[in-house]
PDB file of all heavy atoms in Angstrom:
ATOM      1  N   LEU A   1      70.949 -29.766 -48.343  1.00  0.00           N
ATOM      2  CA  LEU A   1      69.606 -29.748 -48.795  1.00  0.00           C
ATOM      3  C   LEU A   1      69.379 -30.638 -50.033  1.00  0.00           C
ATOM      4  O   LEU A   1      68.427 -31.360 -50.074  1.00  0.00           O
ATOM      5  CB  LEU A   1      69.217 -28.267 -49.122  1.00  0.00           C
ATOM      6  CG  LEU A   1      69.251 -27.442 -47.926  1.00  0.00           C
ATOM      7  CD1 LEU A   1      69.021 -25.888 -48.331  1.00  0.00           C
ATOM      8  CD2 LEU A   1      68.250 -27.745 -46.884  1.00  0.00           C
ATOM      9  N   ASP A   2      70.377 -30.751 -50.820  1.00  0.00           N
ATOM     10  CA  ASP A   2      70.189 -31.505 -52.093  1.00  0.00           C
ATOM     11  C   ASP A   2      70.261 -32.971 -51.701  1.00  0.00           C
ATOM     12  O   ASP A   2      69.779 -33.842 -52.386  1.00  0.00           O
ATOM     13  CB  ASP A   2      71.323 -31.266 -53.210  1.00  0.00           C
ATOM     14  CG  ASP A   2      71.137 -29.934 -53.720  1.00  0.00           C
ATOM     15  OD1 ASP A   2      70.026 -29.267 -53.735  1.00  0.00           O
ATOM     16  OD2 ASP A   2      72.175 -29.442 -54.371  1.00  0.00           O
ATOM     17  N   SER A   3      70.784 -33.394 -50.578  1.00  0.00           N
ATOM     18  CA  SER A   3      70.833 -34.755 -50.154  1.00  0.00           C
ATOM     19  C   SER A   3      69.599 -35.237 -49.569  1.00  0.00           C
ATOM     20  O   SER A   3      69.499 -36.486 -49.336  1.00  0.00           O
ATOM     21  CB  SER A   3      72.153 -34.978 -49.193  1.00  0.00           C
ATOM     22  OG  SER A   3      71.762 -34.479 -47.872  1.00  0.00           O
ATOM     23  N   LEU A   4      68.740 -34.439 -49.219  1.00  0.00           N
ATOM     24  CA  LEU A   4      67.542 -34.882 -48.430  1.00  0.00           C
ATOM     25  C   LEU A   4      66.556 -35.630 -49.397  1.00  0.00           C
ATOM     26  O   LEU A   4      66.354 -35.278 -50.532  1.00  0.00           O
ATOM     27  CB  LEU A   4      66.818 -33.569 -47.851  1.00  0.00           C
ATOM     28  CG  LEU A   4      67.490 -32.829 -46.732  1.00  0.00           C
ATOM     29  CD1 LEU A   4      66.820 -31.557 -46.459  1.00  0.00           C
ATOM     30  CD2 LEU A   4      67.739 -33.797 -45.647  1.00  0.00           C
ATOM     31  N   THR A   5      65.846 -36.646 -48.845  1.00  0.00           N
ATOM     32  CA  THR A   5      64.959 -37.408 -49.595  1.00  0.00           C
ATOM     33  C   THR A   5      63.687 -37.361 -48.854  1.00  0.00           C
ATOM     34  O   THR A   5      63.552 -36.939 -47.781  1.00  0.00           O
ATOM     35  CB  THR A   5      65.439 -38.958 -49.639  1.00  0.00           C
ATOM     36  OG1 THR A   5      65.425 -39.450 -48.233  1.00  0.00           O
ATOM     37  CG2 THR A   5      66.771 -39.137 -50.211  1.00  0.00           C
ATOM     38  N   SER A   6      62.579 -37.821 -49.501  1.00  0.00           N
ATOM     39  CA  SER A   6      61.328 -37.799 -49.054  1.00  0.00           C
ATOM     40  C   SER A   6      61.256 -38.663 -47.653  1.00  0.00           C
ATOM     41  O   SER A   6      60.731 -38.199 -46.746  1.00  0.00           O
ATOM     42  CB  SER A   6      60.280 -38.423 -49.878  1.00  0.00           C
ATOM     43  OG  SER A   6      59.998 -37.560 -50.980  1.00  0.00           O
ATOM     44  N   ASP A   7      61.973 -39.813 -47.680  1.00  0.00           N
ATOM     45  CA  ASP A   7      62.075 -40.468 -46.404  1.00  0.00           C
ATOM     46  C   ASP A   7      62.611 -39.721 -45.204  1.00  0.00           C
ATOM     47  O   ASP A   7      62.130 -39.877 -44.162  1.00  0.00           O
ATOM     48  CB  ASP A   7      62.867 -41.780 -46.603  1.00  0.00           C
ATOM     49  CG  ASP A   7      62.105 -42.836 -47.514  1.00  0.00           C
ATOM     50  OD1 ASP A   7      60.858 -42.808 -47.605  1.00  0.00           O
ATOM     51  OD2 ASP A   7      62.809 -43.669 -48.091  1.00  0.00           O
ATOM     52  N   VAL A   8      63.741 -38.937 -45.533  1.00  0.00           N
ATOM     53  CA  VAL A   8      64.233 -38.178 -44.427  1.00  0.00           C
ATOM     54  C   VAL A   8      63.284 -37.025 -43.971  1.00  0.00           C
ATOM     55  O   VAL A   8      63.082 -36.788 -42.756  1.00  0.00           O
ATOM     56  CB  VAL A   8      65.639 -37.629 -44.900  1.00  0.00           C
ATOM     57  CG1 VAL A   8      66.143 -36.588 -43.805  1.00  0.00           C
ATOM     58  CG2 VAL A   8      66.633 -38.660 -45.152  1.00  0.00           C
ATOM     59  N   LEU A   9      62.617 -36.409 -45.031  1.00  0.00           N
ATOM     60  CA  LEU A   9      61.789 -35.364 -44.626  1.00  0.00           C
ATOM     61  C   LEU A   9      60.619 -35.846 -43.880  1.00  0.00           C
ATOM     62  O   LEU A   9      59.938 -35.032 -43.139  1.00  0.00           O
ATOM     63  CB  LEU A   9      61.362 -34.642 -45.925  1.00  0.00           C
ATOM     64  CG  LEU A   9      62.471 -33.835 -46.600  1.00  0.00           C
ATOM     65  CD1 LEU A   9      61.991 -33.461 -47.936  1.00  0.00           C
ATOM     66  CD2 LEU A   9      63.070 -32.755 -45.858  1.00  0.00           C
ATOM     67  N   LEU A  10      60.173 -37.107 -43.971  1.00  0.00           N
ATOM     68  CA  LEU A  10      59.001 -37.524 -43.260  1.00  0.00           C
ATOM     69  C   LEU A  10      59.372 -38.106 -41.848  1.00  0.00           C
ATOM     70  O   LEU A  10      58.453 -38.472 -41.066  1.00  0.00           O
ATOM     71  CB  LEU A  10      58.299 -38.686 -44.016  1.00  0.00           C
ATOM     72  CG  LEU A  10      57.668 -38.302 -45.282  1.00  0.00           C
ATOM     73  CD1 LEU A  10      57.360 -39.447 -46.167  1.00  0.00           C
ATOM     74  CD2 LEU A  10      56.438 -37.487 -44.913  1.00  0.00           C
ATOM     75  N   THR A  11      60.658 -38.113 -41.513  1.00  0.00           N
ATOM     76  CA  THR A  11      61.071 -38.660 -40.179  1.00  0.00           C
ATOM     77  C   THR A  11      60.824 -37.501 -39.168  1.00  0.00           C
ATOM     78  O   THR A  11      60.637 -36.324 -39.367  1.00  0.00           O
ATOM     79  CB  THR A  11      62.545 -38.989 -40.073  1.00  0.00           C
ATOM     80  OG1 THR A  11      63.360 -37.807 -40.362  1.00  0.00           O
ATOM     81  CG2 THR A  11      62.866 -40.087 -41.058  1.00  0.00           C
ATOM     82  N   ASP A  12      60.638 -37.924 -37.876  1.00  0.00           N
ATOM     83  CA  ASP A  12      60.450 -36.972 -36.728  1.00  0.00           C
ATOM     84  C   ASP A  12      61.644 -36.112 -36.558  1.00  0.00           C
ATOM     85  O   ASP A  12      62.813 -36.670 -36.554  1.00  0.00           O
ATOM     86  CB  ASP A  12      60.111 -37.675 -35.448  1.00  0.00           C
ATOM     87  CG  ASP A  12      58.636 -38.354 -35.508  1.00  0.00           C
ATOM     88  OD1 ASP A  12      57.831 -37.831 -36.106  1.00  0.00           O
ATOM     89  OD2 ASP A  12      58.627 -39.485 -34.896  1.00  0.00           O
ATOM     90  N   LEU A  13      61.414 -34.882 -36.312  1.00  0.00           N
ATOM     91  CA  LEU A  13      62.481 -33.962 -35.933  1.00  0.00           C
ATOM     92  C   LEU A  13      62.737 -34.127 -34.439  1.00  0.00           C
ATOM     93  O   LEU A  13      61.853 -34.306 -33.675  1.00  0.00           O
ATOM     94  CB  LEU A  13      62.001 -32.439 -36.124  1.00  0.00           C
ATOM     95  CG  LEU A  13      63.087 -31.496 -35.764  1.00  0.00           C
ATOM     96  CD1 LEU A  13      64.347 -31.479 -36.772  1.00  0.00           C
ATOM     97  CD2 LEU A  13      62.502 -30.109 -35.833  1.00  0.00           C
ATOM     98  N   LEU A  14      64.086 -34.357 -34.160  1.00  0.00           N
ATOM     99  CA  LEU A  14      64.401 -34.727 -32.766  1.00  0.00           C
ATOM    100  C   LEU A  14      65.148 -33.448 -32.020  1.00  0.00           C
ATOM    101  O   LEU A  14      65.833 -32.783 -32.676  1.00  0.00           O
ATOM    102  CB  LEU A  14      65.329 -36.014 -32.822  1.00  0.00           C
ATOM    103  CG  LEU A  14      64.699 -37.130 -33.474  1.00  0.00           C
ATOM    104  CD1 LEU A  14      65.859 -38.262 -33.449  1.00  0.00           C
ATOM    105  CD2 LEU A  14      63.566 -37.717 -32.774  1.00  0.00           C
ATOM    106  N   LEU A  15      64.866 -33.468 -30.781  1.00  0.00           N
ATOM    107  CA  LEU A  15      65.650 -32.542 -29.896  1.00  0.00           C
ATOM    108  C   LEU A  15      66.107 -33.306 -28.800  1.00  0.00           C
ATOM    109  O   LEU A  15      65.355 -33.949 -27.997  1.00  0.00           O
ATOM    110  CB  LEU A  15      64.704 -31.387 -29.481  1.00  0.00           C
ATOM    111  CG  LEU A  15      65.324 -30.353 -28.515  1.00  0.00           C
ATOM    112  CD1 LEU A  15      66.521 -29.701 -29.194  1.00  0.00           C
ATOM    113  CD2 LEU A  15      64.299 -29.285 -27.971  1.00  0.00           C
ATOM    114  N   LYS A  16      67.416 -33.395 -28.571  1.00  0.00           N
ATOM    115  CA  LYS A  16      67.976 -34.300 -27.498  1.00  0.00           C
ATOM    116  C   LYS A  16      67.531 -35.686 -27.551  1.00  0.00           C
ATOM    117  O   LYS A  16      67.187 -36.299 -26.661  1.00  0.00           O
ATOM    118  CB  LYS A  16      67.755 -33.607 -26.138  1.00  0.00           C
ATOM    119  CG  LYS A  16      68.309 -32.298 -26.016  1.00  0.00           C
ATOM    120  CD  LYS A  16      68.039 -31.710 -24.612  1.00  0.00           C
ATOM    121  CE  LYS A  16      68.732 -30.346 -24.565  1.00  0.00           C
ATOM    122  NZ  LYS A  16      68.438 -29.674 -23.206  1.00  0.00           N
ATOM    123  N   GLY A  17      67.326 -36.158 -28.819  1.00  0.00           N
ATOM    124  CA  GLY A  17      66.931 -37.611 -29.061  1.00  0.00           C
ATOM    125  C   GLY A  17      65.467 -37.834 -29.019  1.00  0.00           C
ATOM    126  O   GLY A  17      64.943 -38.988 -29.117  1.00  0.00           O
ATOM    127  N   LYS A  18      64.634 -36.768 -28.610  1.00  0.00           N
ATOM    128  CA  LYS A  18      63.199 -37.014 -28.630  1.00  0.00           C
ATOM    129  C   LYS A  18      62.416 -36.194 -29.586  1.00  0.00           C
ATOM    130  O   LYS A  18      62.812 -35.151 -29.945  1.00  0.00           O
ATOM    131  CB  LYS A  18      62.778 -36.536 -27.093  1.00  0.00           C
ATOM    132  CG  LYS A  18      63.279 -37.428 -26.025  1.00  0.00           C
ATOM    133  CD  LYS A  18      62.847 -36.931 -24.739  1.00  0.00           C
ATOM    134  CE  LYS A  18      63.526 -37.782 -23.566  1.00  0.00           C
ATOM    135  NZ  LYS A  18      63.156 -37.240 -22.211  1.00  0.00           N
ATOM    136  N   PRO A  19      61.303 -36.818 -30.190  1.00  0.00           N
ATOM    137  CA  PRO A  19      60.578 -36.101 -31.120  1.00  0.00           C
ATOM    138  C   PRO A  19      59.997 -34.843 -30.639  1.00  0.00           C
ATOM    139  O   PRO A  19      59.563 -34.704 -29.454  1.00  0.00           O
ATOM    140  CB  PRO A  19      59.445 -37.123 -31.573  1.00  0.00           C
ATOM    141  CG  PRO A  19      59.880 -38.373 -31.014  1.00  0.00           C
ATOM    142  CD  PRO A  19      60.812 -38.139 -29.846  1.00  0.00           C
ATOM    143  N   VAL A  20      59.893 -33.805 -31.497  1.00  0.00           N
ATOM    144  CA  VAL A  20      59.294 -32.584 -31.044  1.00  0.00           C
ATOM    145  C   VAL A  20      57.930 -32.265 -31.535  1.00  0.00           C
ATOM    146  O   VAL A  20      57.362 -31.194 -31.294  1.00  0.00           O
ATOM    147  CB  VAL A  20      60.332 -31.336 -31.544  1.00  0.00           C
ATOM    148  CG1 VAL A  20      61.566 -31.489 -30.888  1.00  0.00           C
ATOM    149  CG2 VAL A  20      60.338 -31.215 -32.939  1.00  0.00           C
ATOM    150  N   GLY A  21      57.345 -33.240 -32.258  1.00  0.00           N
ATOM    151  CA  GLY A  21      56.008 -33.071 -32.631  1.00  0.00           C
ATOM    152  C   GLY A  21      55.762 -32.597 -34.126  1.00  0.00           C
ATOM    153  O   GLY A  21      54.647 -32.247 -34.530  1.00  0.00           O
ATOM    154  N   GLN A  22      56.906 -32.663 -34.803  1.00  0.00           N
ATOM    155  CA  GLN A  22      56.819 -32.325 -36.388  1.00  0.00           C
ATOM    156  C   GLN A  22      57.862 -33.001 -37.037  1.00  0.00           C
ATOM    157  O   GLN A  22      58.839 -33.563 -36.445  1.00  0.00           O
ATOM    158  CB  GLN A  22      56.888 -30.803 -36.569  1.00  0.00           C
ATOM    159  CG  GLN A  22      58.269 -30.169 -36.165  1.00  0.00           C
ATOM    160  CD  GLN A  22      58.283 -28.710 -36.329  1.00  0.00           C
ATOM    161  OE1 GLN A  22      57.676 -28.184 -37.258  1.00  0.00           O
ATOM    162  NE2 GLN A  22      59.089 -28.078 -35.633  1.00  0.00           N
ATOM    163  N   THR A  23      57.619 -33.274 -38.388  1.00  0.00           N
ATOM    164  CA  THR A  23      58.600 -33.927 -39.157  1.00  0.00           C
ATOM    165  C   THR A  23      59.714 -32.955 -39.554  1.00  0.00           C
ATOM    166  O   THR A  23      59.606 -31.729 -39.506  1.00  0.00           O
ATOM    167  CB  THR A  23      57.974 -34.484 -40.379  1.00  0.00           C
ATOM    168  OG1 THR A  23      57.498 -33.393 -41.297  1.00  0.00           O
ATOM    169  CG2 THR A  23      56.853 -35.521 -40.179  1.00  0.00           C
ATOM    170  N   VAL A  24      60.811 -33.557 -40.073  1.00  0.00           N
ATOM    171  CA  VAL A  24      61.904 -32.756 -40.586  1.00  0.00           C
ATOM    172  C   VAL A  24      61.388 -31.854 -41.803  1.00  0.00           C
ATOM    173  O   VAL A  24      61.669 -30.633 -41.817  1.00  0.00           O
ATOM    174  CB  VAL A  24      63.021 -33.589 -41.092  1.00  0.00           C
ATOM    175  CG1 VAL A  24      64.042 -32.827 -41.823  1.00  0.00           C
ATOM    176  CG2 VAL A  24      63.709 -34.362 -39.936  1.00  0.00           C
ATOM    177  N   GLY A  25      60.584 -32.441 -42.602  1.00  0.00           N
ATOM    178  CA  GLY A  25      59.988 -31.637 -43.796  1.00  0.00           C
ATOM    179  C   GLY A  25      59.144 -30.526 -43.383  1.00  0.00           C
ATOM    180  O   GLY A  25      59.202 -29.378 -43.881  1.00  0.00           O
ATOM    181  N   SER A  26      58.253 -30.727 -42.291  1.00  0.00           N
ATOM    182  CA  SER A  26      57.395 -29.604 -41.829  1.00  0.00           C
ATOM    183  C   SER A  26      58.111 -28.549 -41.108  1.00  0.00           C
ATOM    184  O   SER A  26      57.955 -27.414 -41.258  1.00  0.00           O
ATOM    185  CB  SER A  26      56.351 -30.241 -40.837  1.00  0.00           C
ATOM    186  OG  SER A  26      55.364 -30.954 -41.464  1.00  0.00           O
ATOM    187  N   ALA A  27      59.247 -28.957 -40.415  1.00  0.00           N
ATOM    188  CA  ALA A  27      60.192 -27.974 -39.749  1.00  0.00           C
ATOM    189  C   ALA A  27      60.812 -27.056 -40.877  1.00  0.00           C
ATOM    190  O   ALA A  27      60.993 -25.951 -40.731  1.00  0.00           O
ATOM    191  CB  ALA A  27      61.154 -28.655 -38.830  1.00  0.00           C
TER     192      ALA A  27
END
C-alpha cells in the first residue's frame, strides 16, 4: 500500500487482462 502512487491508483483495474470499469484507486 505504501508503494502505490497516484499514477498507479488512476490506472484501470484489470481482470484477466481486461478493464473492469473502475480504477485501482476507486476499487
